[in-house]
Amino acid sequence: MKHRLITNLIIIFMLILNAAYSQEKDSGKIKLTKAPIENIASYAVWRTDFYICTGIAYAKSVGKSPDDFINFVAKTHGETIKSMKGKGLEPLVSLLHFVVTNYPNGTFEIISESDKEVKIKSNRPYSEYFKNGSMLGVTLYEFEKCLWGHIQIMFKSIDIDFEYHVKGDFVLVILSLRK
């Protein structure tokens, strides 16, 4: 009886282990893998830009202008940078660097800097989305106006002047402390 109990316990233990192992083992035909962080970041950037275009397209569909959408976004997101007020230009330059270089081909260069002003040159890595024309009925011009325009409004709310000039394949940005 004791021998039979031990044998039954061993068999039950082996069945439990086998069941647990088979649940971990991927026996299906579909193999799921985790994407590399670069792919995740690239998708997140694209998705954000797609939603910017969705917002502009929606605004236009209800009789609003891209400027209306820009103001809405700036007002809605404006609080997110209030903590940077009074901390100089460095955190804002770092934020812009983060935004541009999250694109797979984003480039960002500080051309000149002082305590009161920073000049930056970046490429326009998002322009590849528009190589075949508009995206969701939104032009590259409208997209850039929203992207840079809402930043301009947000920075103004923390006493930073923000100018941007699109020149060919590049954007020249000037950040300066308000006098």
N, C-alpha and C. Protein backbone atom coordinates (compact mmCIF):
# COMPACT_ATOMS: atom_id res chain seq x y z
N MET A 1 0.83 -1.19 0.00
CA MET A 1 0.00 0.00 0.00
C MET A 1 0.87 1.25 0.00
N LYS A 2 1.90 1.25 0.83
CA LYS A 2 2.81 2.39 0.90
C LYS A 2 3.52 2.57 -0.44
N HIS A 3 3.92 1.46 -1.05
CA HIS A 3 4.62 1.50 -2.33
C HIS A 3 3.68 2.04 -3.42
N ARG A 4 2.42 1.63 -3.37
CA ARG A 4 1.44 2.08 -4.35
C ARG A 4 1.17 3.58 -4.18
N LEU A 5 1.10 4.09 -2.97
CA LEU A 5 0.88 5.51 -2.69
C LEU A 5 2.03 6.35 -3.23
N ILE A 6 3.26 5.89 -2.99
CA ILE A 6 4.44 6.62 -3.50
C ILE A 6 4.44 6.61 -5.02
N THR A 7 4.11 5.46 -5.64
CA THR A 7 4.07 5.37 -7.09
C THR A 7 3.00 6.33 -7.65
N ASN A 8 1.84 6.35 -7.03
CA ASN A 8 0.77 7.26 -7.48
C ASN A 8 1.19 8.72 -7.33
N LEU A 9 1.84 9.05 -6.22
CA LEU A 9 2.31 10.42 -6.01
C LEU A 9 3.35 10.81 -7.07
N ILE A 10 4.24 9.89 -7.39
CA ILE A 10 5.26 10.15 -8.42
C ILE A 10 4.59 10.37 -9.78
N ILE A 11 3.61 9.52 -10.09
CA ILE A 11 2.90 9.66 -11.38
C ILE A 11 2.15 10.99 -11.43
N ILE A 12 1.47 11.34 -10.34
CA ILE A 12 0.75 12.61 -10.29
C ILE A 12 1.72 13.77 -10.43
N PHE A 13 2.84 13.71 -9.73
CA PHE A 13 3.87 14.75 -9.80
C PHE A 13 4.38 14.90 -11.23
N MET A 14 4.63 13.77 -11.91
CA MET A 14 5.12 13.80 -13.29
C MET A 14 4.07 14.38 -14.23
N LEU A 15 2.80 14.05 -14.00
CA LEU A 15 1.73 14.61 -14.83
C LEU A 15 1.62 16.13 -14.64
N ILE A 16 1.75 16.57 -13.39
CA ILE A 16 1.70 18.02 -13.12
C ILE A 16 2.87 18.71 -13.80
N LEU A 17 4.07 18.15 -13.68
CA LEU A 17 5.24 18.75 -14.34
C LEU A 17 5.06 18.78 -15.85
N ASN A 18 4.54 17.70 -16.41
CA ASN A 18 4.32 17.63 -17.85
C ASN A 18 3.30 18.68 -18.29
N ALA A 19 2.23 18.83 -17.52
CA ALA A 19 1.21 19.83 -17.86
C ALA A 19 1.80 21.23 -17.79
N ALA A 20 2.57 21.48 -16.74
CA ALA A 20 3.19 22.80 -16.58
C ALA A 20 4.18 23.07 -17.71
N TYR A 21 4.98 22.10 -18.08
CA TYR A 21 5.96 22.25 -19.16
C TYR A 21 5.25 22.50 -20.48
N SER A 22 4.16 21.75 -20.75
CA SER A 22 3.50 21.92 -22.03
C SER A 22 2.84 23.28 -22.15
N GLN A 23 2.45 23.90 -21.03
CA GLN A 23 1.87 25.23 -21.10
C GLN A 23 2.93 26.26 -21.44
N GLU A 24 4.15 26.06 -20.95
CA GLU A 24 5.25 26.99 -21.26
C GLU A 24 5.73 26.80 -22.68
N LYS A 25 5.77 25.57 -23.15
CA LYS A 25 6.27 25.27 -24.47
C LYS A 25 5.28 25.79 -25.51
N ASP A 26 5.78 26.49 -26.50
CA ASP A 26 4.93 27.02 -27.55
C ASP A 26 4.69 25.92 -28.57
N SER A 27 3.53 25.30 -28.50
CA SER A 27 3.26 24.19 -29.40
C SER A 27 2.46 24.64 -30.63
N GLY A 28 2.07 25.92 -30.67
CA GLY A 28 1.29 26.42 -31.79
C GLY A 28 2.16 26.77 -32.97
N LYS A 29 1.50 27.10 -34.07
CA LYS A 29 2.23 27.46 -35.29
C LYS A 29 2.65 28.93 -35.28
N ILE A 30 1.92 29.76 -34.54
CA ILE A 30 2.23 31.19 -34.50
C ILE A 30 3.30 31.43 -33.44
N LYS A 31 4.37 32.01 -33.85
CA LYS A 31 5.48 32.31 -32.94
C LYS A 31 5.46 33.80 -32.61
N LEU A 32 5.36 34.13 -31.35
CA LEU A 32 5.34 35.52 -30.92
C LEU A 32 6.71 35.89 -30.37
N THR A 33 7.20 37.04 -30.81
CA THR A 33 8.49 37.51 -30.32
C THR A 33 8.35 38.96 -29.90
N LYS A 34 9.20 39.39 -29.03
CA LYS A 34 9.23 40.79 -28.59
C LYS A 34 10.05 41.58 -29.62
N ALA A 35 9.50 42.71 -30.05
CA ALA A 35 10.19 43.54 -31.04
C ALA A 35 11.40 44.22 -30.40
N PRO A 36 12.45 44.45 -31.18
CA PRO A 36 13.60 45.21 -30.67
C PRO A 36 13.17 46.63 -30.31
N ILE A 37 13.82 47.22 -29.34
CA ILE A 37 13.48 48.56 -28.85
C ILE A 37 13.50 49.59 -29.98
N GLU A 38 14.38 49.44 -30.95
CA GLU A 38 14.44 50.39 -32.07
C GLU A 38 13.14 50.34 -32.87
N ASN A 39 12.60 49.14 -33.07
CA ASN A 39 11.34 49.00 -33.80
C ASN A 39 10.17 49.60 -33.00
N ILE A 40 10.20 49.38 -31.70
CA ILE A 40 9.15 49.91 -30.83
C ILE A 40 9.17 51.44 -30.89
N ALA A 41 10.36 52.02 -30.77
CA ALA A 41 10.49 53.48 -30.80
C ALA A 41 10.06 54.04 -32.16
N SER A 42 10.48 53.40 -33.23
CA SER A 42 10.12 53.86 -34.56
C SER A 42 8.61 53.83 -34.76
N TYR A 43 7.98 52.77 -34.31
CA TYR A 43 6.52 52.66 -34.43
C TYR A 43 5.83 53.72 -33.58
N ALA A 44 6.33 53.95 -32.39
CA ALA A 44 5.71 54.95 -31.51
C ALA A 44 5.78 56.35 -32.13
N VAL A 45 6.91 56.68 -32.74
CA VAL A 45 7.05 57.98 -33.39
C VAL A 45 6.08 58.07 -34.57
N TRP A 46 6.04 57.05 -35.39
CA TRP A 46 5.13 57.06 -36.54
C TRP A 46 3.69 57.20 -36.07
N ARG A 47 3.34 56.45 -35.04
CA ARG A 47 1.96 56.48 -34.54
C ARG A 47 1.59 57.86 -34.02
N THR A 48 2.52 58.50 -33.33
CA THR A 48 2.28 59.86 -32.84
C THR A 48 2.03 60.81 -34.02
N ASP A 49 2.86 60.72 -35.03
CA ASP A 49 2.70 61.59 -36.20
C ASP A 49 1.40 61.29 -36.94
N PHE A 50 1.03 60.03 -37.01
CA PHE A 50 -0.22 59.64 -37.65
C PHE A 50 -1.40 60.26 -36.89
N TYR A 51 -1.31 60.26 -35.55
CA TYR A 51 -2.37 60.87 -34.76
C TYR A 51 -2.40 62.40 -34.89
N ILE A 52 -1.25 63.01 -35.08
CA ILE A 52 -1.24 64.45 -35.36
C ILE A 52 -2.02 64.70 -36.65
N CYS A 53 -1.74 63.90 -37.67
CA CYS A 53 -2.46 64.05 -38.94
C CYS A 53 -3.95 63.74 -38.77
N THR A 54 -4.27 62.75 -37.95
CA THR A 54 -5.67 62.43 -37.68
C THR A 54 -6.37 63.63 -37.04
N GLY A 55 -5.69 64.27 -36.08
CA GLY A 55 -6.28 65.43 -35.41
C GLY A 55 -6.50 66.59 -36.36
N ILE A 56 -5.51 66.86 -37.20
CA ILE A 56 -5.65 67.95 -38.18
C ILE A 56 -6.78 67.62 -39.16
N ALA A 57 -6.82 66.39 -39.65
CA ALA A 57 -7.86 65.97 -40.59
C ALA A 57 -9.24 66.09 -39.94
N TYR A 58 -9.34 65.69 -38.69
CA TYR A 58 -10.63 65.80 -38.00
C TYR A 58 -11.03 67.26 -37.85
N ALA A 59 -10.09 68.10 -37.42
CA ALA A 59 -10.39 69.53 -37.27
C ALA A 59 -10.92 70.09 -38.60
N LYS A 60 -10.25 69.75 -39.68
CA LYS A 60 -10.68 70.24 -41.00
C LYS A 60 -12.07 69.70 -41.36
N SER A 61 -12.35 68.46 -40.96
CA SER A 61 -13.64 67.85 -41.31
C SER A 61 -14.82 68.48 -40.58
N VAL A 62 -14.55 69.16 -39.46
CA VAL A 62 -15.63 69.82 -38.72
C VAL A 62 -15.55 71.35 -38.88
N GLY A 63 -14.86 71.79 -39.92
CA GLY A 63 -14.83 73.21 -40.23
C GLY A 63 -13.82 74.03 -39.45
N LYS A 64 -12.91 73.37 -38.75
CA LYS A 64 -11.86 74.08 -38.02
C LYS A 64 -10.60 74.11 -38.88
N SER A 65 -9.68 74.97 -38.52
CA SER A 65 -8.43 75.08 -39.27
C SER A 65 -7.32 74.33 -38.56
N PRO A 66 -6.22 74.05 -39.26
CA PRO A 66 -5.06 73.48 -38.59
C PRO A 66 -4.60 74.36 -37.41
N ASP A 67 -4.73 75.68 -37.54
CA ASP A 67 -4.38 76.58 -36.43
C ASP A 67 -5.25 76.32 -35.20
N ASP A 68 -6.53 76.03 -35.43
CA ASP A 68 -7.41 75.70 -34.30
C ASP A 68 -6.90 74.44 -33.59
N PHE A 69 -6.49 73.47 -34.37
CA PHE A 69 -5.98 72.24 -33.80
C PHE A 69 -4.67 72.49 -33.04
N ILE A 70 -3.79 73.31 -33.63
CA ILE A 70 -2.52 73.65 -32.98
C ILE A 70 -2.78 74.28 -31.61
N ASN A 71 -3.69 75.23 -31.57
CA ASN A 71 -4.00 75.89 -30.30
C ASN A 71 -4.60 74.92 -29.29
N PHE A 72 -5.45 74.01 -29.76
CA PHE A 72 -6.03 73.00 -28.88
C PHE A 72 -4.93 72.10 -28.29
N VAL A 73 -4.02 71.64 -29.15
CA VAL A 73 -2.94 70.75 -28.68
C VAL A 73 -2.05 71.50 -27.69
N ALA A 74 -1.68 72.72 -28.02
CA ALA A 74 -0.80 73.51 -27.13
C ALA A 74 -1.47 73.74 -25.78
N LYS A 75 -2.74 74.07 -25.80
CA LYS A 75 -3.46 74.30 -24.55
C LYS A 75 -3.56 73.00 -23.75
N THR A 76 -3.85 71.92 -24.42
CA THR A 76 -4.02 70.63 -23.75
C THR A 76 -2.70 70.10 -23.19
N HIS A 77 -1.63 70.24 -23.96
CA HIS A 77 -0.33 69.70 -23.54
C HIS A 77 0.54 70.71 -22.82
N GLY A 78 0.12 71.96 -22.79
CA GLY A 78 0.94 73.04 -22.24
C GLY A 78 1.41 72.81 -20.82
N GLU A 79 0.59 72.21 -20.01
CA GLU A 79 0.95 71.99 -18.61
C GLU A 79 2.16 71.06 -18.47
N THR A 80 2.41 70.24 -19.48
CA THR A 80 3.49 69.25 -19.37
C THR A 80 4.87 69.88 -19.30
N ILE A 81 5.01 71.13 -19.74
CA ILE A 81 6.34 71.75 -19.70
C ILE A 81 6.46 72.85 -18.66
N LYS A 82 5.42 73.09 -17.90
CA LYS A 82 5.46 74.16 -16.88
C LYS A 82 6.60 73.96 -15.90
N SER A 83 6.99 72.71 -15.64
CA SER A 83 8.07 72.46 -14.69
C SER A 83 9.43 72.94 -15.22
N MET A 84 9.52 73.24 -16.51
CA MET A 84 10.77 73.71 -17.10
C MET A 84 10.92 75.22 -17.02
N LYS A 85 9.88 75.90 -16.60
CA LYS A 85 9.92 77.36 -16.54
C LYS A 85 11.00 77.82 -15.57
N GLY A 86 11.81 78.77 -16.03
CA GLY A 86 12.85 79.34 -15.19
C GLY A 86 14.12 78.50 -15.10
N LYS A 87 14.20 77.43 -15.85
CA LYS A 87 15.37 76.54 -15.77
C LYS A 87 16.33 76.74 -16.93
N GLY A 88 16.13 77.81 -17.68
CA GLY A 88 17.04 78.08 -18.79
C GLY A 88 16.65 77.31 -20.04
N LEU A 89 17.55 77.31 -20.99
CA LEU A 89 17.28 76.71 -22.30
C LEU A 89 17.65 75.23 -22.38
N GLU A 90 18.56 74.79 -21.54
CA GLU A 90 19.06 73.41 -21.67
C GLU A 90 17.97 72.34 -21.64
N PRO A 91 17.02 72.38 -20.69
CA PRO A 91 16.01 71.31 -20.71
C PRO A 91 15.13 71.34 -21.96
N LEU A 92 14.92 72.52 -22.51
CA LEU A 92 14.10 72.64 -23.71
C LEU A 92 14.86 72.16 -24.94
N VAL A 93 16.14 72.46 -25.00
CA VAL A 93 16.97 71.95 -26.10
C VAL A 93 17.02 70.43 -26.01
N SER A 94 17.16 69.91 -24.81
CA SER A 94 17.18 68.45 -24.62
C SER A 94 15.86 67.83 -25.06
N LEU A 95 14.75 68.48 -24.76
CA LEU A 95 13.44 67.99 -25.19
C LEU A 95 13.34 67.97 -26.71
N LEU A 96 13.75 69.04 -27.36
CA LEU A 96 13.73 69.07 -28.83
C LEU A 96 14.64 68.00 -29.42
N HIS A 97 15.80 67.84 -28.83
CA HIS A 97 16.73 66.79 -29.27
C HIS A 97 16.06 65.42 -29.18
N PHE A 98 15.38 65.17 -28.09
CA PHE A 98 14.67 63.91 -27.88
C PHE A 98 13.61 63.71 -28.96
N VAL A 99 12.82 64.76 -29.23
CA VAL A 99 11.76 64.66 -30.23
C VAL A 99 12.33 64.32 -31.61
N VAL A 100 13.35 65.05 -32.04
CA VAL A 100 13.89 64.88 -33.39
C VAL A 100 14.66 63.57 -33.53
N THR A 101 15.48 63.24 -32.55
CA THR A 101 16.33 62.05 -32.70
C THR A 101 15.60 60.74 -32.39
N ASN A 102 14.34 60.81 -32.00
CA ASN A 102 13.55 59.59 -31.88
C ASN A 102 13.13 59.06 -33.24
N TYR A 103 13.19 59.90 -34.25
CA TYR A 103 12.97 59.42 -35.61
C TYR A 103 14.20 58.60 -35.99
N PRO A 104 14.01 57.51 -36.71
CA PRO A 104 15.16 56.67 -37.09
C PRO A 104 16.29 57.44 -37.76
N ASN A 105 15.96 58.46 -38.56
CA ASN A 105 16.99 59.21 -39.28
C ASN A 105 17.09 60.66 -38.80
N GLY A 106 16.60 60.93 -37.60
CA GLY A 106 16.60 62.29 -37.10
C GLY A 106 18.00 62.79 -36.76
N THR A 107 18.31 64.00 -37.22
CA THR A 107 19.60 64.62 -36.89
C THR A 107 19.33 65.94 -36.19
N PHE A 108 20.24 66.31 -35.31
CA PHE A 108 20.05 67.49 -34.47
C PHE A 108 21.42 68.05 -34.16
N GLU A 109 21.62 69.33 -34.46
CA GLU A 109 22.92 69.95 -34.24
C GLU A 109 22.74 71.33 -33.62
N ILE A 110 23.48 71.59 -32.56
CA ILE A 110 23.49 72.93 -31.97
C ILE A 110 24.50 73.75 -32.76
N ILE A 111 24.03 74.80 -33.39
CA ILE A 111 24.89 75.65 -34.22
C ILE A 111 25.61 76.68 -33.37
N SER A 112 24.87 77.29 -32.45
CA SER A 112 25.49 78.25 -31.53
C SER A 112 24.67 78.28 -30.26
N GLU A 113 25.34 78.69 -29.17
CA GLU A 113 24.63 78.75 -27.89
C GLU A 113 25.25 79.79 -26.98
N SER A 114 24.36 80.38 -26.21
CA SER A 114 24.77 81.29 -25.14
C SER A 114 23.76 81.07 -24.02
N ASP A 115 23.91 81.82 -22.95
CA ASP A 115 22.96 81.67 -21.84
C ASP A 115 21.56 82.14 -22.22
N LYS A 116 21.49 83.00 -23.24
CA LYS A 116 20.21 83.60 -23.60
C LYS A 116 19.61 83.08 -24.91
N GLU A 117 20.43 82.38 -25.74
CA GLU A 117 19.93 81.95 -27.04
C GLU A 117 20.65 80.69 -27.52
N VAL A 118 19.89 79.82 -28.16
CA VAL A 118 20.46 78.62 -28.78
C VAL A 118 19.90 78.51 -30.19
N LYS A 119 20.80 78.28 -31.15
CA LYS A 119 20.40 78.05 -32.54
C LYS A 119 20.66 76.59 -32.87
N ILE A 120 19.66 75.97 -33.48
CA ILE A 120 19.68 74.53 -33.75
C ILE A 120 19.36 74.29 -35.22
N LYS A 121 19.96 73.26 -35.76
CA LYS A 121 19.64 72.82 -37.12
C LYS A 121 19.27 71.34 -37.02
N SER A 122 18.12 71.00 -37.55
CA SER A 122 17.72 69.59 -37.59
C SER A 122 17.21 69.26 -38.98
N ASN A 123 17.21 67.99 -39.28
CA ASN A 123 16.61 67.60 -40.54
C ASN A 123 15.10 67.48 -40.35
N ARG A 124 14.42 67.06 -41.37
CA ARG A 124 12.97 66.91 -41.35
C ARG A 124 12.63 65.42 -41.53
N PRO A 125 12.96 64.58 -40.54
CA PRO A 125 12.84 63.14 -40.74
C PRO A 125 11.41 62.66 -40.96
N TYR A 126 10.44 63.42 -40.52
CA TYR A 126 9.03 63.07 -40.68
C TYR A 126 8.57 63.29 -42.12
N SER A 127 9.36 64.02 -42.92
CA SER A 127 8.92 64.35 -44.29
C SER A 127 8.77 63.11 -45.16
N GLU A 128 9.43 62.02 -44.79
CA GLU A 128 9.30 60.80 -45.59
C GLU A 128 7.87 60.26 -45.58
N TYR A 129 7.09 60.57 -44.56
CA TYR A 129 5.69 60.15 -44.52
C TYR A 129 4.88 60.80 -45.65
N PHE A 130 5.38 61.91 -46.15
CA PHE A 130 4.65 62.70 -47.13
C PHE A 130 5.27 62.60 -48.53
N LYS A 131 6.17 61.66 -48.73
CA LYS A 131 6.86 61.57 -50.02
C LYS A 131 5.91 61.27 -51.18
N ASN A 132 4.78 60.65 -50.88
CA ASN A 132 3.79 60.36 -51.92
C ASN A 132 2.60 61.30 -51.87
N GLY A 133 2.76 62.42 -51.20
CA GLY A 133 1.67 63.39 -51.09
C GLY A 133 1.18 63.49 -49.65
N SER A 134 -0.06 63.87 -49.50
CA SER A 134 -0.59 64.09 -48.16
C SER A 134 -0.84 62.77 -47.42
N MET A 135 -0.95 62.89 -46.10
CA MET A 135 -1.28 61.75 -45.27
C MET A 135 -2.61 62.08 -44.59
N LEU A 136 -3.62 61.29 -44.87
CA LEU A 136 -4.97 61.51 -44.34
C LEU A 136 -5.52 62.88 -44.75
N GLY A 137 -5.07 63.37 -45.91
CA GLY A 137 -5.52 64.67 -46.38
C GLY A 137 -4.77 65.83 -45.75
N VAL A 138 -3.69 65.54 -45.03
CA VAL A 138 -2.89 66.56 -44.37
C VAL A 138 -1.58 66.71 -45.13
N THR A 139 -1.22 67.94 -45.45
CA THR A 139 0.03 68.19 -46.18
C THR A 139 1.22 68.25 -45.21
N LEU A 140 2.39 68.13 -45.76
CA LEU A 140 3.61 68.27 -44.96
C LEU A 140 3.65 69.65 -44.31
N TYR A 141 3.25 70.68 -45.04
CA TYR A 141 3.22 72.03 -44.49
C TYR A 141 2.32 72.09 -43.25
N GLU A 142 1.11 71.53 -43.37
CA GLU A 142 0.18 71.55 -42.23
C GLU A 142 0.73 70.76 -41.05
N PHE A 143 1.34 69.62 -41.35
CA PHE A 143 1.93 68.80 -40.28
C PHE A 143 3.02 69.57 -39.54
N GLU A 144 3.95 70.16 -40.32
CA GLU A 144 5.04 70.90 -39.69
C GLU A 144 4.54 72.11 -38.92
N LYS A 145 3.56 72.76 -39.46
CA LYS A 145 2.99 73.92 -38.76
C LYS A 145 2.43 73.49 -37.41
N CYS A 146 1.83 72.33 -37.37
CA CYS A 146 1.29 71.81 -36.10
C CYS A 146 2.42 71.36 -35.18
N LEU A 147 3.35 70.59 -35.72
CA LEU A 147 4.45 70.07 -34.90
C LEU A 147 5.23 71.20 -34.25
N TRP A 148 5.71 72.12 -35.06
CA TRP A 148 6.53 73.22 -34.54
C TRP A 148 5.68 74.32 -33.91
N GLY A 149 4.48 74.53 -34.45
CA GLY A 149 3.62 75.59 -33.94
C GLY A 149 3.12 75.37 -32.53
N HIS A 150 2.79 74.13 -32.19
CA HIS A 150 2.32 73.90 -30.82
C HIS A 150 3.48 74.01 -29.83
N ILE A 151 4.68 73.64 -30.28
CA ILE A 151 5.86 73.82 -29.43
C ILE A 151 6.08 75.32 -29.19
N GLN A 152 5.92 76.10 -30.24
CA GLN A 152 6.10 77.55 -30.14
C GLN A 152 5.14 78.13 -29.09
N ILE A 153 3.89 77.74 -29.14
CA ILE A 153 2.90 78.24 -28.18
C ILE A 153 3.23 77.77 -26.76
N MET A 154 3.59 76.52 -26.62
CA MET A 154 3.91 75.98 -25.29
C MET A 154 5.13 76.68 -24.69
N PHE A 155 6.16 76.88 -25.49
CA PHE A 155 7.37 77.53 -24.99
C PHE A 155 7.07 78.99 -24.62
N LYS A 156 6.23 79.64 -25.40
CA LYS A 156 5.87 81.03 -25.10
C LYS A 156 5.23 81.11 -23.71
N SER A 157 4.47 80.07 -23.34
CA SER A 157 3.79 80.08 -22.04
C SER A 157 4.77 80.00 -20.87
N ILE A 158 6.03 79.64 -21.15
CA ILE A 158 7.04 79.60 -20.08
C ILE A 158 8.16 80.62 -20.36
N ASP A 159 7.80 81.66 -21.11
CA ASP A 159 8.69 82.79 -21.37
C ASP A 159 9.90 82.45 -22.22
N ILE A 160 9.72 81.58 -23.19
CA ILE A 160 10.78 81.26 -24.15
C ILE A 160 10.27 81.61 -25.54
N ASP A 161 11.05 82.38 -26.28
CA ASP A 161 10.71 82.65 -27.67
C ASP A 161 11.25 81.50 -28.51
N PHE A 162 10.44 81.03 -29.42
CA PHE A 162 10.77 79.89 -30.26
C PHE A 162 10.45 80.27 -31.70
N GLU A 163 11.48 80.31 -32.52
CA GLU A 163 11.31 80.57 -33.94
C GLU A 163 11.75 79.34 -34.70
N TYR A 164 11.06 79.04 -35.78
CA TYR A 164 11.52 77.96 -36.64
C TYR A 164 11.38 78.40 -38.09
N HIS A 165 12.31 77.95 -38.90
CA HIS A 165 12.32 78.28 -40.32
C HIS A 165 12.67 77.02 -41.09
N VAL A 166 11.77 76.59 -41.95
CA VAL A 166 12.02 75.44 -42.80
C VAL A 166 12.82 75.92 -44.00
N LYS A 167 13.99 75.32 -44.20
CA LYS A 167 14.87 75.69 -45.31
C LYS A 167 15.30 74.41 -46.01
N GLY A 168 14.63 74.07 -47.11
CA GLY A 168 14.96 72.84 -47.83
C GLY A 168 14.72 71.61 -46.98
N ASP A 169 15.77 70.82 -46.78
CA ASP A 169 15.65 69.59 -46.01
C ASP A 169 15.88 69.79 -44.51
N PHE A 170 16.02 71.04 -44.10
CA PHE A 170 16.36 71.32 -42.70
C PHE A 170 15.39 72.29 -42.06
N VAL A 171 15.40 72.28 -40.73
CA VAL A 171 14.65 73.24 -39.95
C VAL A 171 15.66 73.96 -39.07
N LEU A 172 15.65 75.27 -39.12
CA LEU A 172 16.49 76.09 -38.25
C LEU A 172 15.60 76.57 -37.11
N VAL A 173 16.06 76.35 -35.89
CA VAL A 173 15.29 76.70 -34.70
C VAL A 173 16.12 77.67 -33.87
N ILE A 174 15.47 78.71 -33.37
CA ILE A 174 16.12 79.65 -32.45
C ILE A 174 15.27 79.70 -31.18
N LEU A 175 15.91 79.36 -30.07
CA LEU A 175 15.28 79.46 -28.76
C LEU A 175 15.94 80.62 -28.04
N SER A 176 15.15 81.48 -27.45
CA SER A 176 15.75 82.57 -26.68
C SER A 176 14.90 82.90 -25.47
N LEU A 177 15.61 83.28 -24.41
CA LEU A 177 14.93 83.71 -23.20
C LEU A 177 14.25 85.03 -23.48
N ARG A 178 13.05 85.19 -23.00
CA ARG A 178 12.34 86.46 -23.17
C ARG A 178 13.00 87.54 -22.38
N LYS A 179 13.12 88.67 -22.98
CA LYS A 179 13.76 89.80 -22.31
C LYS A 179 12.90 90.37 -21.25
